[in-house]
Amino acid sequence: MRLGDKAMVTRVFAAADVADYVALGGAPVPPGIVPEPLLGALFSYLLGVKLPGVGTNYLKQETTFPAPARVGEALTATVEITRLRPDKHLADLETVCRAPDGTVVATGRALVGVSDVGA
């Protein structure tokens, strides 16, 4: 891992995904809107599978949702390493999710623990 390393994933949430989320106990959302926890799950996926990947210990996530994400849109989530702390086995990452037109629908940062922190 190095400063500036990035990983991204694009996902289209369908109305059925939102219905499944609500059926599992999620709070109802306005029609056509992707629930915020589903957007957060994109970051969880990236951190646990792509960057840093397997063995990542998710310690903290701060996220704001400046605009709604729409069902049926191709949403692209990105994580980028902004700071490495090898002495503590920590990595800070910027987290951003954008709609196809570039609108930011989620933004924040994550702190993860990982044994393979480079300098």
N, C-alpha and C. Protein backbone atom coordinates (compact mmCIF):
# COMPACT_ATOMS: atom_id res chain seq x y z
N MET A 1 0.83 -1.18 0.00
CA MET A 1 0.00 0.00 0.00
C MET A 1 0.87 1.24 0.00
N ARG A 2 0.40 2.22 -0.75
CA ARG A 2 1.10 3.49 -0.84
C ARG A 2 0.09 4.63 -0.82
N LEU A 3 0.55 5.80 -0.40
CA LEU A 3 -0.29 6.98 -0.47
C LEU A 3 -0.81 7.14 -1.89
N GLY A 4 -2.07 7.47 -2.01
CA GLY A 4 -2.66 7.69 -3.32
C GLY A 4 -3.25 6.46 -3.98
N ASP A 5 -2.97 5.26 -3.43
CA ASP A 5 -3.59 4.05 -3.99
C ASP A 5 -5.10 4.19 -3.90
N LYS A 6 -5.80 3.72 -4.96
CA LYS A 6 -7.25 3.83 -5.04
C LYS A 6 -7.86 2.50 -5.45
N ALA A 7 -9.10 2.33 -5.05
CA ALA A 7 -9.92 1.22 -5.53
C ALA A 7 -11.32 1.76 -5.75
N MET A 8 -12.03 1.20 -6.74
CA MET A 8 -13.38 1.67 -6.99
C MET A 8 -14.28 0.52 -7.41
N VAL A 9 -15.56 0.74 -7.23
CA VAL A 9 -16.57 -0.21 -7.65
C VAL A 9 -17.78 0.59 -8.13
N THR A 10 -18.44 0.08 -9.16
CA THR A 10 -19.66 0.70 -9.66
C THR A 10 -20.81 -0.28 -9.44
N ARG A 11 -21.92 0.24 -8.95
CA ARG A 11 -23.07 -0.61 -8.63
C ARG A 11 -24.35 0.13 -8.98
N VAL A 12 -25.28 -0.59 -9.56
CA VAL A 12 -26.62 -0.07 -9.81
C VAL A 12 -27.56 -0.75 -8.82
N PHE A 13 -28.21 0.03 -7.98
CA PHE A 13 -29.19 -0.52 -7.05
C PHE A 13 -30.56 -0.46 -7.70
N ALA A 14 -31.27 -1.58 -7.67
CA ALA A 14 -32.61 -1.67 -8.23
C ALA A 14 -33.64 -1.48 -7.13
N ALA A 15 -34.88 -1.27 -7.54
CA ALA A 15 -35.98 -1.13 -6.57
C ALA A 15 -36.07 -2.38 -5.69
N ALA A 16 -35.77 -3.54 -6.24
CA ALA A 16 -35.81 -4.78 -5.46
C ALA A 16 -34.75 -4.78 -4.35
N ASP A 17 -33.58 -4.17 -4.62
CA ASP A 17 -32.54 -4.06 -3.58
C ASP A 17 -33.05 -3.23 -2.41
N VAL A 18 -33.73 -2.13 -2.72
CA VAL A 18 -34.26 -1.26 -1.66
C VAL A 18 -35.36 -1.99 -0.90
N ALA A 19 -36.22 -2.70 -1.61
CA ALA A 19 -37.29 -3.46 -0.96
C ALA A 19 -36.71 -4.53 -0.03
N ASP A 20 -35.65 -5.21 -0.47
CA ASP A 20 -34.99 -6.21 0.38
C ASP A 20 -34.40 -5.56 1.62
N TYR A 21 -33.78 -4.40 1.46
CA TYR A 21 -33.21 -3.67 2.60
C TYR A 21 -34.30 -3.33 3.62
N VAL A 22 -35.41 -2.78 3.14
CA VAL A 22 -36.51 -2.40 4.03
C VAL A 22 -37.08 -3.64 4.71
N ALA A 23 -37.23 -4.74 3.96
CA ALA A 23 -37.76 -5.98 4.52
C ALA A 23 -36.87 -6.56 5.62
N LEU A 24 -35.58 -6.30 5.54
CA LEU A 24 -34.64 -6.79 6.56
C LEU A 24 -34.60 -5.90 7.80
N GLY A 25 -35.40 -4.87 7.81
CA GLY A 25 -35.47 -4.03 9.00
C GLY A 25 -34.96 -2.62 8.80
N GLY A 26 -34.62 -2.27 7.57
CA GLY A 26 -34.18 -0.90 7.31
C GLY A 26 -35.36 0.05 7.32
N ALA A 27 -35.09 1.28 7.63
CA ALA A 27 -36.15 2.28 7.64
C ALA A 27 -36.61 2.55 6.21
N PRO A 28 -37.90 2.74 6.03
CA PRO A 28 -38.40 3.08 4.69
C PRO A 28 -37.75 4.37 4.18
N VAL A 29 -37.58 4.45 2.89
CA VAL A 29 -37.00 5.64 2.25
C VAL A 29 -37.96 6.14 1.18
N PRO A 30 -37.80 7.38 0.77
CA PRO A 30 -38.66 7.89 -0.30
C PRO A 30 -38.51 7.05 -1.57
N PRO A 31 -39.56 6.92 -2.34
CA PRO A 31 -39.48 6.12 -3.57
C PRO A 31 -38.37 6.61 -4.50
N GLY A 32 -37.63 5.66 -5.05
CA GLY A 32 -36.59 5.98 -6.01
C GLY A 32 -35.26 6.38 -5.41
N ILE A 33 -35.14 6.36 -4.09
CA ILE A 33 -33.90 6.77 -3.41
C ILE A 33 -33.20 5.55 -2.82
N VAL A 34 -31.88 5.50 -2.96
CA VAL A 34 -31.07 4.42 -2.38
C VAL A 34 -30.80 4.76 -0.92
N PRO A 35 -31.10 3.84 0.01
CA PRO A 35 -30.83 4.11 1.42
C PRO A 35 -29.34 4.33 1.68
N GLU A 36 -29.03 5.26 2.58
CA GLU A 36 -27.65 5.59 2.89
C GLU A 36 -26.82 4.38 3.34
N PRO A 37 -27.36 3.45 4.15
CA PRO A 37 -26.55 2.29 4.53
C PRO A 37 -26.10 1.43 3.35
N LEU A 38 -26.86 1.41 2.28
CA LEU A 38 -26.42 0.65 1.10
C LEU A 38 -25.22 1.34 0.43
N LEU A 39 -25.17 2.65 0.49
CA LEU A 39 -24.00 3.37 -0.04
C LEU A 39 -22.79 3.08 0.84
N GLY A 40 -22.99 3.10 2.16
CA GLY A 40 -21.90 2.79 3.08
C GLY A 40 -21.36 1.38 2.86
N ALA A 41 -22.24 0.47 2.47
CA ALA A 41 -21.82 -0.91 2.22
C ALA A 41 -20.84 -1.00 1.05
N LEU A 42 -20.93 -0.07 0.11
CA LEU A 42 -19.97 -0.06 -1.00
C LEU A 42 -18.56 0.20 -0.47
N PHE A 43 -18.44 1.11 0.49
CA PHE A 43 -17.13 1.38 1.08
C PHE A 43 -16.63 0.17 1.86
N SER A 44 -17.53 -0.46 2.61
CA SER A 44 -17.15 -1.66 3.35
C SER A 44 -16.62 -2.74 2.42
N TYR A 45 -17.30 -2.93 1.31
CA TYR A 45 -16.86 -3.91 0.31
C TYR A 45 -15.44 -3.58 -0.17
N LEU A 46 -15.24 -2.33 -0.58
CA LEU A 46 -13.93 -1.95 -1.10
C LEU A 46 -12.82 -2.15 -0.07
N LEU A 47 -13.07 -1.73 1.16
CA LEU A 47 -12.04 -1.83 2.20
C LEU A 47 -11.74 -3.28 2.54
N GLY A 48 -12.72 -4.14 2.53
CA GLY A 48 -12.51 -5.53 2.91
C GLY A 48 -12.04 -6.44 1.81
N VAL A 49 -12.30 -6.04 0.56
CA VAL A 49 -11.99 -6.92 -0.57
C VAL A 49 -10.91 -6.36 -1.49
N LYS A 50 -10.88 -5.05 -1.67
CA LYS A 50 -9.96 -4.45 -2.65
C LYS A 50 -8.78 -3.72 -2.03
N LEU A 51 -9.04 -2.72 -1.19
CA LEU A 51 -7.97 -1.88 -0.65
C LEU A 51 -8.32 -1.43 0.76
N PRO A 52 -7.63 -1.82 1.75
CA PRO A 52 -6.48 -2.68 1.79
C PRO A 52 -6.77 -4.15 1.48
N GLY A 53 -8.00 -4.63 1.72
CA GLY A 53 -8.34 -6.00 1.36
C GLY A 53 -8.45 -6.92 2.55
N VAL A 54 -8.30 -8.21 2.27
CA VAL A 54 -8.47 -9.24 3.29
C VAL A 54 -7.59 -8.95 4.51
N GLY A 55 -8.15 -9.09 5.69
CA GLY A 55 -7.43 -8.83 6.93
C GLY A 55 -7.60 -7.42 7.45
N THR A 56 -8.34 -6.59 6.72
CA THR A 56 -8.58 -5.22 7.16
C THR A 56 -9.51 -5.20 8.36
N ASN A 57 -9.16 -4.39 9.34
CA ASN A 57 -10.00 -4.19 10.52
C ASN A 57 -10.59 -2.78 10.41
N TYR A 58 -11.88 -2.73 10.14
CA TYR A 58 -12.60 -1.47 9.93
C TYR A 58 -12.80 -0.81 11.29
N LEU A 59 -12.11 0.29 11.58
CA LEU A 59 -12.15 0.92 12.89
C LEU A 59 -13.12 2.08 12.99
N LYS A 60 -13.21 2.88 11.92
CA LYS A 60 -14.02 4.09 12.00
C LYS A 60 -14.43 4.53 10.60
N GLN A 61 -15.66 5.04 10.50
CA GLN A 61 -16.14 5.59 9.23
C GLN A 61 -16.94 6.84 9.54
N GLU A 62 -16.61 7.91 8.86
CA GLU A 62 -17.39 9.16 8.93
C GLU A 62 -17.90 9.43 7.54
N THR A 63 -19.22 9.58 7.40
CA THR A 63 -19.79 9.79 6.07
C THR A 63 -20.90 10.82 6.14
N THR A 64 -20.91 11.71 5.15
CA THR A 64 -22.03 12.62 4.95
C THR A 64 -22.65 12.31 3.60
N PHE A 65 -23.91 12.67 3.45
CA PHE A 65 -24.66 12.35 2.24
C PHE A 65 -25.25 13.65 1.70
N PRO A 66 -24.47 14.38 0.90
CA PRO A 66 -24.88 15.71 0.45
C PRO A 66 -26.00 15.72 -0.59
N ALA A 67 -26.24 14.60 -1.26
CA ALA A 67 -27.29 14.53 -2.28
C ALA A 67 -27.84 13.11 -2.29
N PRO A 68 -29.10 12.97 -2.69
CA PRO A 68 -29.66 11.61 -2.74
C PRO A 68 -29.10 10.80 -3.90
N ALA A 69 -28.97 9.50 -3.67
CA ALA A 69 -28.59 8.57 -4.74
C ALA A 69 -29.88 7.96 -5.27
N ARG A 70 -29.98 7.85 -6.57
CA ARG A 70 -31.21 7.39 -7.21
C ARG A 70 -31.12 5.92 -7.61
N VAL A 71 -32.22 5.22 -7.37
CA VAL A 71 -32.34 3.84 -7.83
C VAL A 71 -32.17 3.82 -9.35
N GLY A 72 -31.42 2.84 -9.85
CA GLY A 72 -31.23 2.68 -11.30
C GLY A 72 -30.02 3.41 -11.85
N GLU A 73 -29.38 4.26 -11.06
CA GLU A 73 -28.18 4.96 -11.52
C GLU A 73 -26.94 4.13 -11.22
N ALA A 74 -25.94 4.23 -12.08
CA ALA A 74 -24.65 3.57 -11.85
C ALA A 74 -23.85 4.43 -10.89
N LEU A 75 -23.79 4.02 -9.63
CA LEU A 75 -23.07 4.77 -8.59
C LEU A 75 -21.66 4.22 -8.48
N THR A 76 -20.68 5.11 -8.44
CA THR A 76 -19.29 4.70 -8.35
C THR A 76 -18.69 5.14 -7.02
N ALA A 77 -18.29 4.15 -6.22
CA ALA A 77 -17.66 4.40 -4.92
C ALA A 77 -16.15 4.23 -5.07
N THR A 78 -15.40 5.13 -4.44
CA THR A 78 -13.95 5.11 -4.50
C THR A 78 -13.38 5.28 -3.09
N VAL A 79 -12.32 4.53 -2.80
CA VAL A 79 -11.54 4.75 -1.57
C VAL A 79 -10.11 5.06 -2.00
N GLU A 80 -9.49 6.01 -1.32
CA GLU A 80 -8.11 6.40 -1.63
C GLU A 80 -7.32 6.57 -0.35
N ILE A 81 -6.13 5.98 -0.31
CA ILE A 81 -5.27 6.10 0.87
C ILE A 81 -4.72 7.52 0.95
N THR A 82 -4.99 8.17 2.09
CA THR A 82 -4.53 9.55 2.28
C THR A 82 -3.44 9.66 3.35
N ARG A 83 -3.33 8.63 4.17
CA ARG A 83 -2.30 8.65 5.22
C ARG A 83 -2.01 7.22 5.66
N LEU A 84 -0.74 6.93 5.86
CA LEU A 84 -0.32 5.63 6.39
C LEU A 84 0.43 5.85 7.69
N ARG A 85 0.13 5.02 8.69
CA ARG A 85 0.81 5.10 9.98
C ARG A 85 1.35 3.70 10.31
N PRO A 86 2.50 3.36 9.70
CA PRO A 86 3.05 2.00 9.89
C PRO A 86 3.30 1.64 11.34
N ASP A 87 3.69 2.63 12.16
CA ASP A 87 4.00 2.34 13.56
C ASP A 87 2.78 1.83 14.33
N LYS A 88 1.57 2.20 13.86
CA LYS A 88 0.34 1.77 14.52
C LYS A 88 -0.49 0.82 13.66
N HIS A 89 0.04 0.46 12.49
CA HIS A 89 -0.66 -0.41 11.55
C HIS A 89 -2.02 0.17 11.14
N LEU A 90 -2.02 1.47 10.82
CA LEU A 90 -3.24 2.17 10.46
C LEU A 90 -3.14 2.79 9.08
N ALA A 91 -4.29 2.88 8.42
CA ALA A 91 -4.39 3.59 7.15
C ALA A 91 -5.65 4.45 7.19
N ASP A 92 -5.52 5.70 6.75
CA ASP A 92 -6.67 6.60 6.58
C ASP A 92 -7.00 6.63 5.10
N LEU A 93 -8.30 6.60 4.80
CA LEU A 93 -8.73 6.63 3.42
C LEU A 93 -9.85 7.64 3.23
N GLU A 94 -9.82 8.33 2.11
CA GLU A 94 -10.94 9.18 1.70
C GLU A 94 -11.96 8.27 1.03
N THR A 95 -13.24 8.51 1.30
CA THR A 95 -14.31 7.72 0.69
C THR A 95 -15.26 8.66 -0.04
N VAL A 96 -15.55 8.33 -1.31
CA VAL A 96 -16.44 9.17 -2.11
C VAL A 96 -17.30 8.27 -2.99
N CYS A 97 -18.59 8.61 -3.08
CA CYS A 97 -19.49 7.91 -4.01
C CYS A 97 -20.15 8.97 -4.88
N ARG A 98 -20.12 8.74 -6.19
CA ARG A 98 -20.66 9.71 -7.15
C ARG A 98 -21.73 9.10 -8.04
N ALA A 99 -22.68 9.93 -8.41
CA ALA A 99 -23.68 9.57 -9.41
C ALA A 99 -23.04 9.71 -10.79
N PRO A 100 -23.69 9.21 -11.83
CA PRO A 100 -23.10 9.28 -13.17
C PRO A 100 -22.75 10.69 -13.66
N ASP A 101 -23.50 11.70 -13.19
CA ASP A 101 -23.21 13.08 -13.62
C ASP A 101 -22.12 13.74 -12.78
N GLY A 102 -21.52 12.98 -11.86
CA GLY A 102 -20.45 13.51 -11.02
C GLY A 102 -20.90 14.03 -9.67
N THR A 103 -22.21 14.09 -9.44
CA THR A 103 -22.72 14.55 -8.16
C THR A 103 -22.24 13.64 -7.04
N VAL A 104 -21.71 14.24 -5.98
CA VAL A 104 -21.27 13.47 -4.81
C VAL A 104 -22.50 13.13 -3.99
N VAL A 105 -22.73 11.82 -3.79
CA VAL A 105 -23.88 11.37 -3.00
C VAL A 105 -23.45 10.88 -1.62
N ALA A 106 -22.16 10.61 -1.44
CA ALA A 106 -21.60 10.24 -0.13
C ALA A 106 -20.13 10.61 -0.12
N THR A 107 -19.66 11.13 1.00
CA THR A 107 -18.26 11.49 1.12
C THR A 107 -17.84 11.40 2.58
N GLY A 108 -16.58 11.08 2.79
CA GLY A 108 -16.09 10.99 4.16
C GLY A 108 -14.70 10.40 4.22
N ARG A 109 -14.45 9.71 5.35
CA ARG A 109 -13.14 9.08 5.54
C ARG A 109 -13.32 7.81 6.34
N ALA A 110 -12.36 6.94 6.20
CA ALA A 110 -12.33 5.68 6.95
C ALA A 110 -10.97 5.51 7.59
N LEU A 111 -10.97 4.88 8.75
CA LEU A 111 -9.73 4.51 9.43
C LEU A 111 -9.75 3.00 9.56
N VAL A 112 -8.69 2.36 9.08
CA VAL A 112 -8.63 0.91 9.13
C VAL A 112 -7.30 0.46 9.74
N GLY A 113 -7.36 -0.69 10.39
CA GLY A 113 -6.16 -1.33 10.89
C GLY A 113 -5.79 -2.45 9.93
N VAL A 114 -4.51 -2.54 9.62
CA VAL A 114 -4.05 -3.57 8.68
C VAL A 114 -2.60 -3.88 9.00
N SER A 115 -2.24 -5.15 8.92
CA SER A 115 -0.88 -5.54 9.31
C SER A 115 0.16 -5.19 8.25
N ASP A 116 -0.24 -5.01 7.01
CA ASP A 116 0.69 -4.79 5.90
C ASP A 116 0.72 -3.33 5.48
N VAL A 117 1.04 -2.42 6.40
CA VAL A 117 1.07 -0.99 6.10
C VAL A 117 2.46 -0.61 5.61
N GLY A 118 2.53 -0.05 4.42
CA GLY A 118 3.81 0.43 3.90
C GLY A 118 4.07 1.84 4.37
N ALA A 119 5.27 2.29 4.13
CA ALA A 119 5.60 3.67 4.54
C ALA A 119 5.55 4.60 3.36
